[in-house]
Protein backbone atom coordinates (compact mmCIF):
# COMPACT_ATOMS: atom_id res chain seq x y z
CA MET A 1 13.48 33.41 -58.47
CA LYS A 2 14.09 33.51 -54.65
CA LEU A 3 11.69 36.39 -54.27
CA ALA A 4 8.94 34.10 -56.14
CA ARG A 5 9.35 31.24 -54.59
CA TYR A 6 9.45 33.30 -50.91
CA LEU A 7 6.23 35.26 -52.23
CA PHE A 8 4.88 31.64 -53.44
CA LEU A 9 5.46 29.98 -50.57
CA LEU A 10 4.51 32.33 -47.93
CA THR A 11 0.91 33.05 -49.34
CA ALA A 12 0.39 29.21 -50.64
CA GLY A 13 1.03 28.09 -46.89
CA ARG A 14 -1.08 30.30 -45.13
CA ILE A 15 -3.81 30.02 -47.68
CA LEU A 16 -3.73 26.01 -47.20
CA ALA A 17 -3.60 26.47 -43.30
CA ALA A 18 -6.67 28.59 -43.77
CA LEU A 19 -8.55 26.11 -46.21
CA ALA A 20 -7.70 23.26 -43.41
CA VAL A 21 -9.22 25.08 -40.67
CA LEU A 22 -12.71 26.08 -42.65
CA VAL A 23 -12.73 22.86 -43.82
CA GLY A 24 -12.44 21.50 -40.17
CA ILE A 25 -15.18 23.79 -39.12
CA LEU A 26 -17.43 22.93 -41.95
CA GLN A 27 -16.71 19.37 -41.45
CA ILE A 28 -17.97 19.24 -38.12
CA LEU A 29 -21.06 21.18 -38.20
CA ASP A 30 -21.96 18.80 -41.23
CA LEU A 31 -20.74 15.88 -39.11
CA LEU A 32 -22.79 17.50 -35.93
CA GLU A 33 -26.17 17.29 -38.05
CA VAL A 34 -25.86 13.33 -39.44
CA THR A 35 -23.92 11.82 -37.08
CA THR A 36 -26.85 10.67 -34.63
CA GLU A 37 -28.43 9.24 -38.00
CA ILE A 38 -25.14 7.21 -39.13
CA LEU A 39 -25.03 5.65 -35.69
CA ASP A 40 -28.46 4.92 -35.55
CA ARG A 41 -28.13 2.88 -38.97
CA GLN A 42 -25.33 0.64 -37.33
CA LEU A 43 -22.43 2.17 -39.57
CA GLY A 44 -20.10 3.48 -36.88
CA ALA A 45 -17.05 5.32 -36.65
CA GLY A 46 -16.31 3.81 -39.97
CA GLY A 47 -19.53 5.56 -41.45
CA VAL A 48 -18.90 8.99 -40.26
CA PHE A 49 -15.28 8.79 -41.34
CA TYR A 50 -16.68 7.60 -45.04
CA TYR A 51 -19.80 9.92 -44.79
CA GLY A 52 -16.84 12.65 -44.03
CA LEU A 53 -14.68 11.74 -46.82
CA LEU A 54 -17.52 11.86 -49.35
CA ARG A 55 -18.38 14.94 -48.47
CA LEU A 56 -14.80 16.53 -48.19
CA PRO A 57 -14.72 17.43 -51.90
CA ARG A 58 -17.84 19.74 -51.78
CA LEU A 59 -16.75 21.45 -48.51
CA VAL A 60 -13.42 22.19 -49.70
CA GLU A 61 -15.08 23.78 -52.88
CA GLN A 62 -16.75 26.05 -50.35
CA ALA A 63 -14.16 26.97 -48.52
CA ALA A 64 -11.56 28.16 -51.20
CA PRO A 65 -12.63 31.10 -51.52
CA LEU A 66 -12.68 32.62 -47.96
CA ALA A 67 -9.13 30.71 -47.62
CA VAL A 68 -7.76 32.75 -50.19
CA LEU A 69 -9.28 35.72 -48.38
CA ALA A 70 -8.09 35.21 -45.00
CA GLY A 71 -4.64 33.36 -46.33
CA SER A 72 -3.95 36.02 -48.53
CA LEU A 73 -4.49 38.77 -45.64
CA PHE A 74 -2.19 37.10 -43.26
CA ALA A 75 0.43 37.07 -45.96
CA PHE A 76 0.26 40.21 -47.14
CA ALA A 77 0.16 41.92 -43.49
CA LYS A 78 2.89 39.75 -42.79
CA LEU A 79 5.24 40.99 -45.18
CA ALA A 80 3.63 45.00 -44.29
CA GLY A 81 4.38 44.62 -40.83
CA GLU A 82 8.23 43.11 -41.25
CA SER A 83 7.90 46.37 -43.85
CA ALA A 84 9.19 44.12 -46.37
CA VAL A 85 7.14 45.51 -49.15
CA THR A 86 9.14 48.93 -48.20
CA ALA A 87 12.21 47.33 -48.57
CA MET A 88 11.23 45.74 -51.80
CA ARG A 89 9.62 49.10 -53.54
CA SER A 90 12.95 50.79 -52.64
CA THR A 91 14.66 48.55 -55.00
CA GLY A 92 12.23 49.19 -57.49
CA ILE A 93 9.71 46.03 -57.51
CA SER A 94 6.56 47.58 -57.17
CA ALA A 95 3.43 46.20 -55.38
CA TYR A 96 1.85 45.01 -58.70
CA ARG A 97 4.71 42.17 -59.24
CA VAL A 98 4.38 41.35 -55.40
CA THR A 99 0.92 41.02 -56.03
CA ALA A 100 1.37 38.94 -59.55
CA LEU A 101 4.39 36.70 -57.57
CA ALA A 102 1.42 35.92 -55.09
CA LEU A 103 -0.54 34.96 -58.13
CA PRO A 104 0.30 31.27 -58.52
CA ALA A 105 -0.75 30.58 -54.95
CA ALA A 106 -4.54 31.73 -55.91
CA ALA A 107 -4.30 29.84 -59.52
CA MET A 108 -3.37 26.63 -57.25
CA LEU A 109 -6.90 26.74 -55.34
CA VAL A 110 -8.57 27.95 -58.90
CA ALA A 111 -7.30 24.52 -60.47
CA LEU A 112 -7.79 22.61 -57.72
CA GLN A 113 -11.60 23.64 -57.48
CA LEU A 114 -11.87 23.33 -61.18
CA LEU A 115 -10.83 19.28 -60.97
CA ILE A 116 -13.37 19.34 -57.64
CA GLY A 117 -16.27 20.64 -59.56
CA MET A 118 -15.59 18.64 -62.98
CA VAL A 119 -14.80 15.44 -61.79
CA VAL A 120 -14.18 14.82 -58.31
CA ALA A 121 -17.47 16.21 -56.90
CA PRO A 122 -19.96 14.35 -59.10
CA ARG A 123 -18.64 11.11 -58.23
CA THR A 124 -18.39 11.64 -54.47
CA ASP A 125 -21.92 13.09 -54.58
CA ALA A 126 -23.32 10.32 -56.32
CA THR A 127 -21.36 7.65 -54.36
CA LEU A 128 -22.84 8.98 -51.33
CA ALA A 129 -26.17 9.25 -52.10
CA GLU A 130 -26.02 5.36 -53.24
CA TRP A 131 -24.40 4.79 -49.86
CA TRP A 132 -26.99 6.47 -48.13
CA GLN A 133 -29.68 5.15 -49.61
CA ALA A 134 -28.44 1.46 -49.51
CA THR A 135 -27.67 2.12 -45.66
CA ALA A 136 -31.03 3.14 -44.73
CA PRO A 137 -33.20 1.22 -42.33
CA GLN A 138 -35.32 -1.68 -43.57
CA GLU A 139 -38.50 0.12 -42.57
CA GLU A 140 -37.59 3.24 -44.58
CA ALA A 141 -36.33 1.14 -47.68
CA SER A 142 -39.48 -0.50 -47.67
CA GLU A 143 -41.63 2.23 -47.88
CA PRO A 144 -43.20 2.81 -51.13
CA THR A 145 -41.49 5.45 -53.34
CA ASP A 146 -43.03 8.56 -53.83
CA ALA A 147 -43.83 9.45 -57.40
CA LEU A 148 -41.01 11.53 -59.10
CA THR A 149 -42.36 14.92 -61.36
CA PHE A 150 -39.68 16.06 -63.93
CA ARG A 151 -38.95 16.90 -67.54
CA VAL A 152 -37.37 15.47 -70.33
CA GLY A 153 -37.32 17.94 -73.51
CA ASN A 154 -40.31 19.12 -74.01
CA GLU A 155 -42.16 15.65 -72.20
CA ILE A 156 -43.44 15.98 -68.29
CA VAL A 157 -43.08 12.62 -66.97
CA VAL A 158 -44.54 11.37 -63.76
CA GLY A 159 -43.78 7.92 -62.15
CA ARG A 160 -42.14 5.89 -59.10
CA PRO A 161 -38.62 5.39 -59.21
CA SER A 162 -36.95 1.88 -58.19
CA GLU A 163 -34.18 1.98 -55.40
CA ASP A 164 -31.61 1.73 -58.04
CA ALA A 165 -33.36 4.04 -60.28
CA ARG A 166 -33.11 1.56 -63.21
CA ARG A 167 -36.93 1.14 -63.15
CA ILE A 168 -39.80 3.63 -63.03
CA ASP A 169 -43.19 2.19 -62.62
CA GLN A 170 -46.82 3.57 -62.97
CA VAL A 171 -45.10 5.66 -65.69
CA THR A 172 -47.13 8.76 -67.39
CA ILE A 173 -45.56 11.03 -70.18
CA TYR A 174 -47.60 14.51 -71.18
CA ARG A 175 -45.96 15.29 -74.29
CA ARG A 176 -46.44 19.30 -75.41
CA ASP A 177 -46.27 20.88 -78.80
CA ALA A 178 -43.91 24.24 -79.68
CA SER A 179 -46.56 26.42 -78.11
CA GLY A 180 -46.43 24.22 -74.87
CA ARG A 181 -50.01 22.75 -75.43
CA LEU A 182 -50.48 19.47 -74.60
CA ALA A 183 -49.95 16.72 -77.46
CA GLN A 184 -49.72 13.49 -76.30
CA ARG A 185 -50.29 11.27 -73.10
CA THR A 186 -48.66 8.15 -72.52
CA THR A 187 -49.13 5.55 -70.06
CA ALA A 188 -46.71 2.52 -69.19
CA ASP A 189 -46.96 0.02 -66.72
CA SER A 190 -42.83 0.56 -66.10
CA ALA A 191 -40.02 2.08 -67.99
CA VAL A 192 -36.80 -0.06 -67.74
CA PHE A 193 -33.27 1.26 -68.29
CA GLU A 194 -31.36 -1.36 -70.87
CA ASN A 195 -28.63 -1.06 -73.07
CA GLY A 196 -28.51 2.47 -72.63
CA ALA A 197 -32.22 3.29 -73.43
CA TRP A 198 -35.44 3.58 -71.99
CA ARG A 199 -37.91 0.73 -72.81
CA LEU A 200 -41.59 1.45 -71.89
CA ASN A 201 -43.74 -1.68 -71.15
CA ALA A 202 -47.06 -2.01 -72.05
CA PRO A 203 -47.61 1.42 -73.16
CA LYS A 204 -51.02 3.14 -74.27
CA PHE A 205 -51.10 6.45 -76.04
CA GLU A 206 -53.54 9.35 -76.26
CA THR A 207 -53.13 11.64 -79.37
CA VAL A 208 -54.98 15.16 -79.54
CA GLN A 209 -55.63 15.80 -82.86
CA GLY A 210 -57.85 18.49 -84.04
CA ASP A 211 -60.98 18.18 -81.98
CA GLY A 212 -60.71 14.46 -81.48
CA VAL A 213 -58.37 12.38 -79.61
CA ASN A 214 -56.92 8.99 -80.75
CA SER A 215 -55.87 6.35 -79.14
CA GLY A 216 -53.28 3.70 -79.53
CA ALA A 217 -51.22 0.83 -77.49
CA ALA A 218 -48.22 -1.57 -77.95
CA GLU A 219 -46.38 -4.12 -76.27
CA ALA A 220 -43.30 -2.09 -75.84
CA MET A 221 -41.18 0.46 -77.43
CA THR A 222 -37.91 2.53 -77.08
CA TRP A 223 -39.01 5.92 -75.50
CA THR A 224 -35.45 8.08 -74.53
CA GLN A 225 -31.81 8.13 -74.17
CA ASN A 226 -31.04 11.35 -72.48
CA ILE A 227 -31.92 10.25 -69.10
CA ARG A 228 -29.37 8.22 -66.56
CA PRO A 229 -30.60 6.43 -63.49
CA ALA A 230 -27.88 8.65 -61.88
CA ASP A 231 -29.88 11.58 -63.03
CA ILE A 232 -32.85 10.08 -61.31
CA GLN A 233 -31.03 9.15 -58.25
CA ALA A 234 -30.08 12.79 -57.81
CA LEU A 235 -33.31 13.78 -58.21
CA GLN A 236 -34.75 11.61 -55.19
CA ALA A 237 -31.61 12.71 -53.44
CA GLY A 238 -33.04 16.33 -53.74
CA GLY A 239 -29.40 17.89 -53.25
CA ALA A 240 -28.80 21.16 -53.64
CA THR A 241 -26.16 21.02 -55.82
CA ILE A 242 -25.43 20.33 -59.66
CA SER A 243 -23.09 19.10 -61.39
CA PRO A 244 -21.82 20.91 -64.85
CA GLY A 245 -22.48 17.46 -66.72
CA GLU A 246 -26.09 17.49 -65.09
CA ALA A 247 -26.82 21.06 -66.20
CA ARG A 248 -25.63 20.13 -69.63
CA ARG A 249 -27.20 17.10 -70.08
CA ALA A 250 -30.40 19.14 -68.59
CA LEU A 251 -30.10 21.34 -71.63
CA GLN A 252 -29.67 18.76 -74.04
CA GLY A 253 -32.99 17.33 -73.39
CA GLY A 254 -32.19 15.56 -70.43
CA VAL A 255 -33.31 15.68 -66.94
CA SER A 256 -34.96 18.69 -65.51
CA VAL A 257 -36.93 20.17 -62.62
CA ARG A 258 -36.05 23.82 -63.23
CA PRO A 259 -35.80 26.83 -65.67
CA LYS A 260 -33.34 26.71 -68.83
CA THR A 261 -32.10 29.84 -67.06
CA PHE A 262 -31.35 27.64 -64.40
CA TYR A 263 -29.37 25.09 -66.11
CA ASP A 264 -27.74 28.16 -68.24
CA THR A 265 -26.17 29.72 -65.47
CA GLN A 266 -25.12 26.62 -63.91
CA VAL A 267 -22.69 25.66 -66.72
CA GLN A 268 -21.20 29.71 -66.93
CA ARG A 269 -20.64 29.02 -63.02
CA ALA A 270 -18.93 25.90 -63.16
CA TRP A 271 -16.28 28.24 -65.36
CA ALA A 272 -16.42 31.59 -63.22
CA ALA A 273 -16.79 30.25 -59.39
CA PRO A 274 -13.34 28.79 -59.14
CA PHE A 275 -11.78 32.66 -60.31
CA ALA A 276 -13.42 33.73 -57.36
CA CYS A 277 -9.96 33.03 -55.41
CA VAL A 278 -7.90 35.12 -58.09
CA VAL A 279 -10.55 37.59 -57.10
CA MET A 280 -10.49 37.32 -53.18
CA LEU A 281 -6.32 37.79 -53.63
CA LEU A 282 -6.78 40.80 -55.74
CA LEU A 283 -8.97 42.23 -52.94
CA ALA A 284 -6.57 41.30 -50.38
CA ALA A 285 -3.45 42.62 -52.01
CA PRO A 286 -3.54 46.14 -50.59
CA ALA A 287 -2.94 45.15 -47.24
CA ALA A 288 0.58 44.61 -48.48
CA LEU A 289 0.92 48.50 -48.55
CA ALA A 290 -0.47 48.96 -44.80
CA ASN A 291 0.89 51.06 -42.67
CA PHE A 292 1.40 49.56 -39.09
CA ARG A 293 2.08 52.98 -37.69
CA GLY A 294 -1.15 54.06 -38.55
CA GLY A 295 -4.88 52.88 -39.69
CA ALA A 296 -3.23 49.27 -41.02
CA SER A 297 -6.24 47.51 -39.52
CA THR A 298 -8.75 49.52 -40.93
CA LEU A 299 -7.39 48.79 -44.40
CA ILE A 300 -6.90 45.11 -43.47
CA VAL A 301 -10.84 45.47 -42.16
CA GLN A 302 -11.53 46.77 -45.65
CA CYS A 303 -10.36 44.27 -47.55
CA MET A 304 -12.03 41.62 -45.46
CA ALA A 305 -15.13 43.33 -45.63
CA GLY A 306 -14.61 44.18 -49.97
CA GLY A 307 -14.43 39.95 -49.96
CA LEU A 308 -17.44 39.40 -47.88
CA LEU A 309 -19.19 41.53 -50.28
CA PHE A 310 -17.78 40.12 -53.14
CA LEU A 311 -19.78 36.67 -51.90
CA VAL A 312 -22.87 38.95 -51.57
CA PHE A 313 -22.79 40.02 -54.93
CA ASP A 314 -21.97 36.95 -56.44
CA GLY A 315 -24.64 35.13 -54.81
CA ALA A 316 -27.59 37.83 -55.94
CA PHE A 317 -26.14 37.35 -59.47
CA THR A 318 -26.37 34.52 -59.85
CA ALA A 319 -29.77 34.06 -58.01
CA LEU A 320 -30.89 36.57 -60.85
CA GLY A 321 -29.53 34.49 -63.67
CA GLU A 322 -31.10 31.37 -62.44
CA ASN A 323 -34.34 33.00 -62.26
CA GLY A 324 -34.13 34.64 -65.92
CA ALA A 325 -33.70 38.18 -64.43
CA ALA A 326 -30.34 38.61 -66.18
CA PRO A 327 -28.20 36.38 -69.06
CA ALA A 328 -26.44 33.84 -67.73
CA ILE A 329 -23.29 35.10 -68.71
CA LEU A 330 -23.80 38.35 -66.83
CA ALA A 331 -24.87 36.71 -63.58
CA ALA A 332 -21.94 34.20 -63.76
CA TRP A 333 -19.19 37.02 -64.28
CA ALA A 334 -20.36 40.34 -63.38
CA ALA A 335 -19.28 40.14 -59.63
CA PRO A 336 -15.79 38.51 -60.17
CA VAL A 337 -15.23 41.17 -63.37
CA ILE A 338 -16.43 44.02 -60.72
CA PHE A 339 -14.71 43.42 -57.80
CA SER A 340 -11.32 42.42 -59.59
CA GLY A 341 -11.53 45.69 -61.15
CA LEU A 342 -11.99 47.34 -57.78
CA GLY A 343 -9.20 45.41 -56.35
CA VAL A 344 -6.66 46.46 -58.98
CA THR A 345 -7.86 50.28 -58.61
CA ALA A 346 -7.57 50.26 -55.09
CA LEU A 347 -3.81 48.87 -55.63
CA LEU A 348 -3.34 51.28 -58.40
CA TYR A 349 -4.57 53.91 -55.81
CA LEU A 350 -2.12 53.04 -53.00
CA GLU A 351 0.71 52.22 -54.66
CA GLY A 352 0.36 56.22 -56.17
């Protein structure tokens, strides 16, 4: 129990220290880009702090894998430098057990990433988008909103959303049939979100039937329940990240602007990405067997290179999945599985 506690505290302490440093660097770089604009909006130091606080969950999510790699390397290098692993192996404690006892530290980051990705970050992203839009200068806020184009199931929608995204003016809806051909065009003065559904005001219909086009109109009609104002705001903000909930809603007929394969991959990535922390620890584990009297630095550099190479392959597989060149489950899980196997294989080889 004392050994398990010692290894956990050693590894977790260095991982958290590395995480703090990396998040601090990312935070500074992020604030360098927006601080001038925040101050121009007369929000002062409080606005800078509030922006940094809302961006913090995403920065922690980005930095976590590298923090585990760096922290684990520091921890295992310390054990190797003090010949602690050699002493433990002489008492029958293998390098496998040392790695297993350090795994809870990486699992802690996995749980944190899952919490951030599933719960915290989607809320802070929405709050940040609303705050950023609400504090825009008057001349920017008064400018007409650009037309927005997106998909809802088998429909393509074009319209001008209001500031709070609860109203879309000058709406045009193109409905397609199963083969992708235009089946109906609906135009309306506006679409208003009320009681959990969107209502079209003064809609007019043009339906393609055979060789002709039939027209019709109504005073009002219920359109869809698959769109939320928050989804429209996310599209307006043009965020680079998408939450698992948004991806699932897009697959179920909600708002989408990208291919189905993109959202399939994002759903899988929501679960696969946090396990990068475990992969990083496994890739760093061979450093515990480094011999500081001959070539230790080479082994540590190889472990670090393996972690960075994993990030490259993970990003490449994800891009393939998002573009439909690979199945979503393969794109999300291939790199973690392959590099976990490489880390375990290296440990087996060195343990001999």
